[in-house]
Amino acid sequence: AAGRGEEVLGAPPQCAVCGAVPVAAPRSLVADLVVKVQSADGQTMRIPLKDVWSDDFSAVADCLAAVGVANSGLCVACGPGAQNCLWSASTHAAVMAAAAPADGPG
């Protein structure tokens, strides 16, 4: 690990598809979240979740697994008009921040 005064070279971790760089988003409790999952054959499931922390990838993944949705290979829109990127622990917080209402809770 680099100490004080040492140069660190390299790039931050990035999405392999869209190049998004994960950012630290403030942690918040999401009271009501609906995860929309569309299968390859076009069927859509809406999975309601209650009281999920915005940075808790494991909790969301566990809830999806409980209804038969495997988290491997799931893609999410990385932003308006952007390509999809893989949903993972490293992209979860940014996806949750992007999904939050612009004017906040309420």
PDB file of N, CA and C in Angstrom:
ATOM      1  N   ALA A   1       0.840  -1.187   0.000  1.00  0.00           N
ATOM      2  CA  ALA A   1       0.000   0.000   0.000  1.00  0.00           C
ATOM      3  C   ALA A   1       0.877   1.239   0.000  1.00  0.00           C
ATOM      4  N   ALA A   2       0.448   2.238  -0.710  1.00  0.00           N
ATOM      5  CA  ALA A   2       1.210   3.471  -0.814  1.00  0.00           C
ATOM      6  C   ALA A   2       1.045   4.297   0.455  1.00  0.00           C
ATOM      7  N   GLY A   3       2.140   4.843   0.921  1.00  0.00           N
ATOM      8  CA  GLY A   3       2.086   5.701   2.096  1.00  0.00           C
ATOM      9  C   GLY A   3       2.030   7.157   1.685  1.00  0.00           C
ATOM     10  N   ARG A   4       2.145   8.008   2.641  1.00  0.00           N
ATOM     11  CA  ARG A   4       2.104   9.444   2.353  1.00  0.00           C
ATOM     12  C   ARG A   4       3.280   9.850   1.492  1.00  0.00           C
ATOM     13  N   GLY A   5       2.987  10.672   0.496  1.00  0.00           N
ATOM     14  CA  GLY A   5       4.020  11.187  -0.361  1.00  0.00           C
ATOM     15  C   GLY A   5       4.421  10.254  -1.487  1.00  0.00           C
ATOM     16  N   GLU A   6       3.871   9.043  -1.501  1.00  0.00           N
ATOM     17  CA  GLU A   6       4.197   8.113  -2.581  1.00  0.00           C
ATOM     18  C   GLU A   6       3.190   8.262  -3.701  1.00  0.00           C
ATOM     19  N   GLU A   7       3.679   8.163  -4.926  1.00  0.00           N
ATOM     20  CA  GLU A   7       2.796   8.227  -6.089  1.00  0.00           C
ATOM     21  C   GLU A   7       2.103   6.895  -6.281  1.00  0.00           C
ATOM     22  N   VAL A   8       0.837   6.963  -6.641  1.00  0.00           N
ATOM     23  CA  VAL A   8       0.091   5.756  -6.952  1.00  0.00           C
ATOM     24  C   VAL A   8      -0.286   5.829  -8.420  1.00  0.00           C
ATOM     25  N   LEU A   9       0.128   4.835  -9.182  1.00  0.00           N
ATOM     26  CA  LEU A   9      -0.157   4.821 -10.605  1.00  0.00           C
ATOM     27  C   LEU A   9      -1.203   3.766 -10.905  1.00  0.00           C
ATOM     28  N   GLY A  10      -2.023   4.040 -11.901  1.00  0.00           N
ATOM     29  CA  GLY A  10      -3.034   3.073 -12.310  1.00  0.00           C
ATOM     30  C   GLY A  10      -4.387   3.736 -12.411  1.00  0.00           C
ATOM     31  N   ALA A  11      -5.339   2.950 -12.796  1.00  0.00           N
ATOM     32  CA  ALA A  11      -6.697   3.448 -12.955  1.00  0.00           C
ATOM     33  C   ALA A  11      -7.586   2.848 -11.877  1.00  0.00           C
ATOM     34  N   PRO A  12      -8.654   3.547 -11.518  1.00  0.00           N
ATOM     35  CA  PRO A  12      -9.590   2.985 -10.541  1.00  0.00           C
ATOM     36  C   PRO A  12     -10.359   1.826 -11.169  1.00  0.00           C
ATOM     37  N   PRO A  13     -11.020   1.013 -10.345  1.00  0.00           N
ATOM     38  CA  PRO A  13     -11.835  -0.054 -10.919  1.00  0.00           C
ATOM     39  C   PRO A  13     -12.938   0.545 -11.783  1.00  0.00           C
ATOM     40  N   GLN A  14     -13.251  -0.118 -12.903  1.00  0.00           N
ATOM     41  CA  GLN A  14     -14.248   0.384 -13.833  1.00  0.00           C
ATOM     42  C   GLN A  14     -15.136  -0.747 -14.326  1.00  0.00           C
ATOM     43  N   CYS A  15     -16.363  -0.389 -14.718  1.00  0.00           N
ATOM     44  CA  CYS A  15     -17.258  -1.334 -15.372  1.00  0.00           C
ATOM     45  C   CYS A  15     -16.633  -1.705 -16.716  1.00  0.00           C
ATOM     46  N   ALA A  16     -16.595  -2.992 -17.018  1.00  0.00           N
ATOM     47  CA  ALA A  16     -15.985  -3.456 -18.265  1.00  0.00           C
ATOM     48  C   ALA A  16     -16.790  -3.044 -19.491  1.00  0.00           C
ATOM     49  N   VAL A  17     -18.076  -2.747 -19.325  1.00  0.00           N
ATOM     50  CA  VAL A  17     -18.925  -2.410 -20.461  1.00  0.00           C
ATOM     51  C   VAL A  17     -18.973  -0.905 -20.700  1.00  0.00           C
ATOM     52  N   CYS A  18     -19.333  -0.142 -19.655  1.00  0.00           N
ATOM     53  CA  CYS A  18     -19.569   1.290 -19.873  1.00  0.00           C
ATOM     54  C   CYS A  18     -18.462   2.184 -19.330  1.00  0.00           C
ATOM     55  N   GLY A  19     -17.519   1.617 -18.555  1.00  0.00           N
ATOM     56  CA  GLY A  19     -16.424   2.415 -18.027  1.00  0.00           C
ATOM     57  C   GLY A  19     -16.754   3.195 -16.771  1.00  0.00           C
ATOM     58  N   ALA A  20     -17.946   2.982 -16.196  1.00  0.00           N
ATOM     59  CA  ALA A  20     -18.334   3.701 -14.981  1.00  0.00           C
ATOM     60  C   ALA A  20     -17.376   3.374 -13.846  1.00  0.00           C
ATOM     61  N   VAL A  21     -17.063   4.379 -13.045  1.00  0.00           N
ATOM     62  CA  VAL A  21     -16.200   4.210 -11.888  1.00  0.00           C
ATOM     63  C   VAL A  21     -17.084   4.230 -10.647  1.00  0.00           C
ATOM     64  N   PRO A  22     -17.012   3.185  -9.803  1.00  0.00           N
ATOM     65  CA  PRO A  22     -17.847   3.185  -8.603  1.00  0.00           C
ATOM     66  C   PRO A  22     -17.481   4.345  -7.692  1.00  0.00           C
ATOM     67  N   VAL A  23     -18.475   4.950  -7.107  1.00  0.00           N
ATOM     68  CA  VAL A  23     -18.260   6.061  -6.187  1.00  0.00           C
ATOM     69  C   VAL A  23     -18.878   5.715  -4.844  1.00  0.00           C
ATOM     70  N   ALA A  24     -18.337   6.301  -3.819  1.00  0.00           N
ATOM     71  CA  ALA A  24     -18.902   6.084  -2.492  1.00  0.00           C
ATOM     72  C   ALA A  24     -20.127   6.973  -2.345  1.00  0.00           C
ATOM     73  N   ALA A  25     -21.269   6.353  -2.266  1.00  0.00           N
ATOM     74  CA  ALA A  25     -22.512   7.097  -2.093  1.00  0.00           C
ATOM     75  C   ALA A  25     -22.882   7.064  -0.618  1.00  0.00           C
ATOM     76  N   PRO A  26     -23.532   8.109  -0.122  1.00  0.00           N
ATOM     77  CA  PRO A  26     -23.935   8.083   1.277  1.00  0.00           C
ATOM     78  C   PRO A  26     -24.894   6.918   1.525  1.00  0.00           C
ATOM     79  N   ARG A  27     -24.722   6.265   2.646  1.00  0.00           N
ATOM     80  CA  ARG A  27     -25.572   5.129   3.003  1.00  0.00           C
ATOM     81  C   ARG A  27     -26.943   5.647   3.428  1.00  0.00           C
ATOM     82  N   SER A  28     -27.983   5.019   2.904  1.00  0.00           N
ATOM     83  CA  SER A  28     -29.332   5.413   3.306  1.00  0.00           C
ATOM     84  C   SER A  28     -30.221   4.185   3.349  1.00  0.00           C
ATOM     85  N   LEU A  29     -31.278   4.277   4.139  1.00  0.00           N
ATOM     86  CA  LEU A  29     -32.242   3.193   4.244  1.00  0.00           C
ATOM     87  C   LEU A  29     -33.328   3.429   3.202  1.00  0.00           C
ATOM     88  N   VAL A  30     -33.533   2.448   2.344  1.00  0.00           N
ATOM     89  CA  VAL A  30     -34.564   2.530   1.318  1.00  0.00           C
ATOM     90  C   VAL A  30     -35.766   1.767   1.858  1.00  0.00           C
ATOM     91  N   ALA A  31     -36.830   2.497   2.195  1.00  0.00           N
ATOM     92  CA  ALA A  31     -38.000   1.882   2.823  1.00  0.00           C
ATOM     93  C   ALA A  31     -38.727   0.948   1.864  1.00  0.00           C
ATOM     94  N   ASP A  32     -38.916   1.365   0.630  1.00  0.00           N
ATOM     95  CA  ASP A  32     -39.636   0.567  -0.365  1.00  0.00           C
ATOM     96  C   ASP A  32     -38.847   0.567  -1.663  1.00  0.00           C
ATOM     97  N   LEU A  33     -38.495  -0.615  -2.133  1.00  0.00           N
ATOM     98  CA  LEU A  33     -37.751  -0.754  -3.372  1.00  0.00           C
ATOM     99  C   LEU A  33     -38.410  -1.846  -4.191  1.00  0.00           C
ATOM    100  N   VAL A  34     -38.625  -1.581  -5.464  1.00  0.00           N
ATOM    101  CA  VAL A  34     -39.142  -2.604  -6.366  1.00  0.00           C
ATOM    102  C   VAL A  34     -38.057  -2.896  -7.390  1.00  0.00           C
ATOM    103  N   VAL A  35     -37.610  -4.149  -7.404  1.00  0.00           N
ATOM    104  CA  VAL A  35     -36.597  -4.578  -8.357  1.00  0.00           C
ATOM    105  C   VAL A  35     -37.323  -5.220  -9.529  1.00  0.00           C
ATOM    106  N   LYS A  36     -37.116  -4.669 -10.699  1.00  0.00           N
ATOM    107  CA  LYS A  36     -37.738  -5.195 -11.915  1.00  0.00           C
ATOM    108  C   LYS A  36     -36.724  -6.068 -12.627  1.00  0.00           C
ATOM    109  N   VAL A  37     -37.092  -7.318 -12.845  1.00  0.00           N
ATOM    110  CA  VAL A  37     -36.197  -8.272 -13.500  1.00  0.00           C
ATOM    111  C   VAL A  37     -36.891  -8.759 -14.767  1.00  0.00           C
ATOM    112  N   GLN A  38     -36.215  -8.595 -15.885  1.00  0.00           N
ATOM    113  CA  GLN A  38     -36.752  -9.061 -17.163  1.00  0.00           C
ATOM    114  C   GLN A  38     -35.895 -10.222 -17.645  1.00  0.00           C
ATOM    115  N   SER A  39     -36.548 -11.353 -17.891  1.00  0.00           N
ATOM    116  CA  SER A  39     -35.825 -12.538 -18.325  1.00  0.00           C
ATOM    117  C   SER A  39     -35.502 -12.457 -19.809  1.00  0.00           C
ATOM    118  N   ALA A  40     -34.642 -13.342 -20.252  1.00  0.00           N
ATOM    119  CA  ALA A  40     -34.247 -13.370 -21.661  1.00  0.00           C
ATOM    120  C   ALA A  40     -35.434 -13.636 -22.578  1.00  0.00           C
ATOM    121  N   ASP A  41     -36.461 -14.338 -22.064  1.00  0.00           N
ATOM    122  CA  ASP A  41     -37.632 -14.625 -22.893  1.00  0.00           C
ATOM    123  C   ASP A  41     -38.701 -13.533 -22.803  1.00  0.00           C
ATOM    124  N   GLY A  42     -38.369 -12.411 -22.141  1.00  0.00           N
ATOM    125  CA  GLY A  42     -39.267 -11.258 -22.119  1.00  0.00           C
ATOM    126  C   GLY A  42     -40.222 -11.189 -20.951  1.00  0.00           C
ATOM    127  N   GLN A  43     -40.236 -12.180 -20.067  1.00  0.00           N
ATOM    128  CA  GLN A  43     -41.113 -12.124 -18.904  1.00  0.00           C
ATOM    129  C   GLN A  43     -40.550 -11.157 -17.881  1.00  0.00           C
ATOM    130  N   THR A  44     -41.435 -10.402 -17.223  1.00  0.00           N
ATOM    131  CA  THR A  44     -41.016  -9.405 -16.247  1.00  0.00           C
ATOM    132  C   THR A  44     -41.529  -9.780 -14.864  1.00  0.00           C
ATOM    133  N   MET A  45     -40.624  -9.724 -13.884  1.00  0.00           N
ATOM    134  CA  MET A  45     -40.987  -9.914 -12.476  1.00  0.00           C
ATOM    135  C   MET A  45     -40.694  -8.616 -11.749  1.00  0.00           C
ATOM    136  N   ARG A  46     -41.573  -8.255 -10.839  1.00  0.00           N
ATOM    137  CA  ARG A  46     -41.330  -7.107  -9.965  1.00  0.00           C
ATOM    138  C   ARG A  46     -41.264  -7.629  -8.541  1.00  0.00           C
ATOM    139  N   ILE A  47     -40.124  -7.434  -7.910  1.00  0.00           N
ATOM    140  CA  ILE A  47     -39.891  -7.969  -6.579  1.00  0.00           C
ATOM    141  C   ILE A  47     -39.832  -6.811  -5.586  1.00  0.00           C
ATOM    142  N   PRO A  48     -40.843  -6.712  -4.698  1.00  0.00           N
ATOM    143  CA  PRO A  48     -40.832  -5.632  -3.712  1.00  0.00           C
ATOM    144  C   PRO A  48     -39.920  -5.973  -2.529  1.00  0.00           C
ATOM    145  N   LEU A  49     -39.093  -5.008  -2.139  1.00  0.00           N
ATOM    146  CA  LEU A  49     -38.215  -5.166  -0.988  1.00  0.00           C
ATOM    147  C   LEU A  49     -38.506  -4.048   0.006  1.00  0.00           C
ATOM    148  N   LYS A  50     -38.382  -4.340   1.276  1.00  0.00           N
ATOM    149  CA  LYS A  50     -38.622  -3.354   2.335  1.00  0.00           C
ATOM    150  C   LYS A  50     -37.357  -3.139   3.157  1.00  0.00           C
ATOM    151  N   ASP A  51     -37.133  -1.899   3.526  1.00  0.00           N
ATOM    152  CA  ASP A  51     -36.061  -1.524   4.455  1.00  0.00           C
ATOM    153  C   ASP A  51     -34.708  -2.141   4.095  1.00  0.00           C
ATOM    154  N   VAL A  52     -34.179  -1.733   2.952  1.00  0.00           N
ATOM    155  CA  VAL A  52     -32.886  -2.205   2.464  1.00  0.00           C
ATOM    156  C   VAL A  52     -31.893  -1.049   2.528  1.00  0.00           C
ATOM    157  N   TRP A  53     -30.707  -1.321   3.075  1.00  0.00           N
ATOM    158  CA  TRP A  53     -29.669  -0.293   3.075  1.00  0.00           C
ATOM    159  C   TRP A  53     -29.113  -0.160   1.660  1.00  0.00           C
ATOM    160  N   SER A  54     -28.887   1.072   1.247  1.00  0.00           N
ATOM    161  CA  SER A  54     -28.471   1.345  -0.129  1.00  0.00           C
ATOM    162  C   SER A  54     -27.141   0.700  -0.502  1.00  0.00           C
ATOM    163  N   ASP A  55     -26.309   0.389   0.469  1.00  0.00           N
ATOM    164  CA  ASP A  55     -25.002  -0.204   0.175  1.00  0.00           C
ATOM    165  C   ASP A  55     -24.955  -1.704   0.461  1.00  0.00           C
ATOM    166  N   ASP A  56     -26.115  -2.312   0.725  1.00  0.00           N
ATOM    167  CA  ASP A  56     -26.148  -3.725   1.127  1.00  0.00           C
ATOM    168  C   ASP A  56     -26.468  -4.638  -0.052  1.00  0.00           C
ATOM    169  N   PHE A  57     -25.471  -4.881  -0.880  1.00  0.00           N
ATOM    170  CA  PHE A  57     -25.613  -5.755  -2.041  1.00  0.00           C
ATOM    171  C   PHE A  57     -26.083  -7.147  -1.623  1.00  0.00           C
ATOM    172  N   SER A  58     -25.498  -7.688  -0.566  1.00  0.00           N
ATOM    173  CA  SER A  58     -25.823  -9.046  -0.136  1.00  0.00           C
ATOM    174  C   SER A  58     -27.294  -9.200   0.226  1.00  0.00           C
ATOM    175  N   ALA A  59     -27.866  -8.212   0.893  1.00  0.00           N
ATOM    176  CA  ALA A  59     -29.280  -8.296   1.285  1.00  0.00           C
ATOM    177  C   ALA A  59     -30.183  -8.337   0.061  1.00  0.00           C
ATOM    178  N   VAL A  60     -29.889  -7.502  -0.926  1.00  0.00           N
ATOM    179  CA  VAL A  60     -30.698  -7.486  -2.148  1.00  0.00           C
ATOM    180  C   VAL A  60     -30.503  -8.796  -2.915  1.00  0.00           C
ATOM    181  N   ALA A  61     -29.267  -9.249  -3.020  1.00  0.00           N
ATOM    182  CA  ALA A  61     -28.978 -10.509  -3.720  1.00  0.00           C
ATOM    183  C   ALA A  61     -29.689 -11.680  -3.035  1.00  0.00           C
ATOM    184  N   ASP A  62     -29.691 -11.692  -1.700  1.00  0.00           N
ATOM    185  CA  ASP A  62     -30.368 -12.756  -0.957  1.00  0.00           C
ATOM    186  C   ASP A  62     -31.877 -12.737  -1.194  1.00  0.00           C
ATOM    187  N   CYS A  63     -32.468 -11.537  -1.228  1.00  0.00           N
ATOM    188  CA  CYS A  63     -33.912 -11.419  -1.488  1.00  0.00           C
ATOM    189  C   CYS A  63     -34.254 -11.915  -2.894  1.00  0.00           C
ATOM    190  N   LEU A  64     -33.419 -11.580  -3.857  1.00  0.00           N
ATOM    191  CA  LEU A  64     -33.651 -12.046  -5.223  1.00  0.00           C
ATOM    192  C   LEU A  64     -33.501 -13.565  -5.306  1.00  0.00           C
ATOM    193  N   ALA A  65     -32.491 -14.102  -4.629  1.00  0.00           N
ATOM    194  CA  ALA A  65     -32.281 -15.548  -4.639  1.00  0.00           C
ATOM    195  C   ALA A  65     -33.459 -16.278  -4.007  1.00  0.00           C
ATOM    196  N   ALA A  66     -34.071 -15.674  -2.990  1.00  0.00           N
ATOM    197  CA  ALA A  66     -35.210 -16.298  -2.312  1.00  0.00           C
ATOM    198  C   ALA A  66     -36.412 -16.497  -3.231  1.00  0.00           C
ATOM    199  N   VAL A  67     -36.499 -15.690  -4.296  1.00  0.00           N
ATOM    200  CA  VAL A  67     -37.600 -15.850  -5.256  1.00  0.00           C
ATOM    201  C   VAL A  67     -37.110 -16.488  -6.560  1.00  0.00           C
ATOM    202  N   GLY A  68     -35.899 -17.037  -6.526  1.00  0.00           N
ATOM    203  CA  GLY A  68     -35.399 -17.790  -7.670  1.00  0.00           C
ATOM    204  C   GLY A  68     -34.630 -17.012  -8.710  1.00  0.00           C
ATOM    205  N   VAL A  69     -34.188 -15.802  -8.374  1.00  0.00           N
ATOM    206  CA  VAL A  69     -33.415 -15.000  -9.324  1.00  0.00           C
ATOM    207  C   VAL A  69     -31.946 -15.036  -8.906  1.00  0.00           C
ATOM    208  N   ALA A  70     -31.118 -15.663  -9.729  1.00  0.00           N
ATOM    209  CA  ALA A  70     -29.684 -15.719  -9.443  1.00  0.00           C
ATOM    210  C   ALA A  70     -29.057 -14.374  -9.770  1.00  0.00           C
ATOM    211  N   ASN A  71     -28.137 -13.912  -8.928  1.00  0.00           N
ATOM    212  CA  ASN A  71     -27.557 -12.591  -9.168  1.00  0.00           C
ATOM    213  C   ASN A  71     -26.433 -12.598 -10.182  1.00  0.00           C
ATOM    214  N   SER A  72     -25.939 -13.760 -10.581  1.00  0.00           N
ATOM    215  CA  SER A  72     -24.863 -13.768 -11.562  1.00  0.00           C
ATOM    216  C   SER A  72     -25.424 -13.469 -12.950  1.00  0.00           C
ATOM    217  N   GLY A  73     -24.800 -12.547 -13.626  1.00  0.00           N
ATOM    218  CA  GLY A  73     -25.218 -12.219 -14.986  1.00  0.00           C
ATOM    219  C   GLY A  73     -26.317 -11.188 -15.080  1.00  0.00           C
ATOM    220  N   LEU A  74     -26.808 -10.659 -13.953  1.00  0.00           N
ATOM    221  CA  LEU A  74     -27.833  -9.617 -14.022  1.00  0.00           C
ATOM    222  C   LEU A  74     -27.196  -8.305 -14.456  1.00  0.00           C
ATOM    223  N   CYS A  75     -27.867  -7.601 -15.334  1.00  0.00           N
ATOM    224  CA  CYS A  75     -27.362  -6.318 -15.822  1.00  0.00           C
ATOM    225  C   CYS A  75     -28.292  -5.207 -15.401  1.00  0.00           C
ATOM    226  N   VAL A  76     -27.742  -4.024 -15.258  1.00  0.00           N
ATOM    227  CA  VAL A  76     -28.519  -2.843 -14.910  1.00  0.00           C
ATOM    228  C   VAL A  76     -28.118  -1.705 -15.840  1.00  0.00           C
ATOM    229  N   ALA A  77     -29.024  -0.776 -16.019  1.00  0.00           N
ATOM    230  CA  ALA A  77     -28.693   0.415 -16.805  1.00  0.00           C
ATOM    231  C   ALA A  77     -27.752   1.271 -15.962  1.00  0.00           C
ATOM    232  N   CYS A  78     -26.634   1.660 -16.545  1.00  0.00           N
ATOM    233  CA  CYS A  78     -25.640   2.452 -15.815  1.00  0.00           C
ATOM    234  C   CYS A  78     -25.988   3.933 -15.789  1.00  0.00           C
ATOM    235  N   GLY A  79     -27.044   4.314 -16.439  1.00  0.00           N
ATOM    236  CA  GLY A  79     -27.477   5.701 -16.465  1.00  0.00           C
ATOM    237  C   GLY A  79     -28.424   5.897 -17.619  1.00  0.00           C
ATOM    238  N   PRO A  80     -29.076   7.055 -17.683  1.00  0.00           N
ATOM    239  CA  PRO A  80     -30.018   7.299 -18.779  1.00  0.00           C
ATOM    240  C   PRO A  80     -29.333   7.167 -20.136  1.00  0.00           C
ATOM    241  N   GLY A  81     -29.850   6.299 -20.986  1.00  0.00           N
ATOM    242  CA  GLY A  81     -29.303   6.111 -22.319  1.00  0.00           C
ATOM    243  C   GLY A  81     -27.997   5.342 -22.364  1.00  0.00           C
ATOM    244  N   ALA A  82     -27.520   4.871 -21.212  1.00  0.00           N
ATOM    245  CA  ALA A  82     -26.237   4.168 -21.166  1.00  0.00           C
ATOM    246  C   ALA A  82     -26.427   2.684 -21.455  1.00  0.00           C
ATOM    247  N   GLN A  83     -25.324   2.048 -21.792  1.00  0.00           N
ATOM    248  CA  GLN A  83     -25.346   0.601 -21.960  1.00  0.00           C
ATOM    249  C   GLN A  83     -25.555  -0.050 -20.599  1.00  0.00           C
ATOM    250  N   ASN A  84     -25.966  -1.303 -20.618  1.00  0.00           N
ATOM    251  CA  ASN A  84     -26.103  -2.040 -19.374  1.00  0.00           C
ATOM    252  C   ASN A  84     -24.734  -2.491 -18.883  1.00  0.00           C
ATOM    253  N   CYS A  85     -24.617  -2.598 -17.561  1.00  0.00           N
ATOM    254  CA  CYS A  85     -23.406  -3.152 -16.972  1.00  0.00           C
ATOM    255  C   CYS A  85     -23.810  -4.227 -15.973  1.00  0.00           C
ATOM    256  N   LEU A  86     -22.891  -5.090 -15.628  1.00  0.00           N
ATOM    257  CA  LEU A  86     -23.199  -6.159 -14.688  1.00  0.00           C
ATOM    258  C   LEU A  86     -23.496  -5.590 -13.310  1.00  0.00           C
ATOM    259  N   TRP A  87     -24.539  -6.121 -12.672  1.00  0.00           N
ATOM    260  CA  TRP A  87     -24.859  -5.738 -11.299  1.00  0.00           C
ATOM    261  C   TRP A  87     -23.980  -6.569 -10.392  1.00  0.00           C
ATOM    262  N   SER A  88     -23.234  -5.912  -9.533  1.00  0.00           N
ATOM    263  CA  SER A  88     -22.315  -6.601  -8.631  1.00  0.00           C
ATOM    264  C   SER A  88     -22.157  -5.775  -7.364  1.00  0.00           C
ATOM    265  N   ALA A  89     -21.399  -6.304  -6.431  1.00  0.00           N
ATOM    266  CA  ALA A  89     -21.151  -5.568  -5.189  1.00  0.00           C
ATOM    267  C   ALA A  89     -20.481  -4.229  -5.471  1.00  0.00           C
ATOM    268  N   SER A  90     -19.636  -4.164  -6.511  1.00  0.00           N
ATOM    269  CA  SER A  90     -18.925  -2.915  -6.796  1.00  0.00           C
ATOM    270  C   SER A  90     -19.796  -1.889  -7.516  1.00  0.00           C
ATOM    271  N   THR A  91     -20.866  -2.310  -8.200  1.00  0.00           N
ATOM    272  CA  THR A  91     -21.729  -1.347  -8.895  1.00  0.00           C
ATOM    273  C   THR A  91     -23.019  -1.058  -8.127  1.00  0.00           C
ATOM    274  N   HIS A  92     -23.301  -1.849  -7.085  1.00  0.00           N
ATOM    275  CA  HIS A  92     -24.584  -1.768  -6.384  1.00  0.00           C
ATOM    276  C   HIS A  92     -24.890  -0.377  -5.820  1.00  0.00           C
ATOM    277  N   ALA A  93     -23.959   0.221  -5.100  1.00  0.00           N
ATOM    278  CA  ALA A  93     -24.227   1.517  -4.460  1.00  0.00           C
ATOM    279  C   ALA A  93     -24.520   2.596  -5.497  1.00  0.00           C
ATOM    280  N   ALA A  94     -23.790   2.597  -6.599  1.00  0.00           N
ATOM    281  CA  ALA A  94     -24.023   3.588  -7.644  1.00  0.00           C
ATOM    282  C   ALA A  94     -25.384   3.371  -8.302  1.00  0.00           C
ATOM    283  N   VAL A  95     -25.764   2.109  -8.498  1.00  0.00           N
ATOM    284  CA  VAL A  95     -27.073   1.800  -9.085  1.00  0.00           C
ATOM    285  C   VAL A  95     -28.181   2.272  -8.142  1.00  0.00           C
ATOM    286  N   MET A  96     -28.022   2.027  -6.854  1.00  0.00           N
ATOM    287  CA  MET A  96     -29.032   2.459  -5.875  1.00  0.00           C
ATOM    288  C   MET A  96     -29.141   3.988  -5.854  1.00  0.00           C
ATOM    289  N   ALA A  97     -28.002   4.663  -5.929  1.00  0.00           N
ATOM    290  CA  ALA A  97     -28.026   6.130  -5.939  1.00  0.00           C
ATOM    291  C   ALA A  97     -28.732   6.648  -7.197  1.00  0.00           C
ATOM    292  N   ALA A  98     -28.483   6.010  -8.328  1.00  0.00           N
ATOM    293  CA  ALA A  98     -29.117   6.429  -9.585  1.00  0.00           C
ATOM    294  C   ALA A  98     -30.612   6.156  -9.579  1.00  0.00           C
ATOM    295  N   ALA A  99     -31.026   5.123  -8.843  1.00  0.00           N
ATOM    296  CA  ALA A  99     -32.451   4.757  -8.799  1.00  0.00           C
ATOM    297  C   ALA A  99     -33.248   5.602  -7.820  1.00  0.00           C
ATOM    298  N   ALA A 100     -32.553   6.323  -6.937  1.00  0.00           N
ATOM    299  CA  ALA A 100     -33.253   7.131  -5.925  1.00  0.00           C
ATOM    300  C   ALA A 100     -33.974   8.304  -6.584  1.00  0.00           C
ATOM    301  N   PRO A 101     -35.139   8.674  -6.039  1.00  0.00           N
ATOM    302  CA  PRO A 101     -35.836   9.840  -6.576  1.00  0.00           C
ATOM    303  C   PRO A 101     -34.964  11.096  -6.468  1.00  0.00           C
ATOM    304  N   ALA A 102     -35.031  11.954  -7.454  1.00  0.00           N
ATOM    305  CA  ALA A 102     -34.190  13.145  -7.503  1.00  0.00           C
ATOM    306  C   ALA A 102     -34.440  14.071  -6.317  1.00  0.00           C
ATOM    307  N   ASP A 103     -35.673  14.117  -5.831  1.00  0.00           N
ATOM    308  CA  ASP A 103     -35.977  15.042  -4.733  1.00  0.00           C
ATOM    309  C   ASP A 103     -35.875  14.361  -3.370  1.00  0.00           C
ATOM    310  N   GLY A 104     -35.339  13.143  -3.320  1.00  0.00           N
ATOM    311  CA  GLY A 104     -35.129  12.453  -2.049  1.00  0.00           C
ATOM    312  C   GLY A 104     -36.399  11.802  -1.557  1.00  0.00           C
ATOM    313  N   PRO A 105     -36.334  11.199  -0.354  1.00  0.00           N
ATOM    314  CA  PRO A 105     -37.494  10.501   0.169  1.00  0.00           C
ATOM    315  C   PRO A 105     -38.613  11.466   0.508  1.00  0.00           C
ATOM    316  N   GLY A 106     -39.813  10.921   0.480  1.00  0.00           N
ATOM    317  CA  GLY A 106     -40.904  11.760   0.938  1.00  0.00           C
ATOM    318  C   GLY A 106     -42.023  11.798   0.004  1.00  0.00           C
TER     319      GLY A 106
END
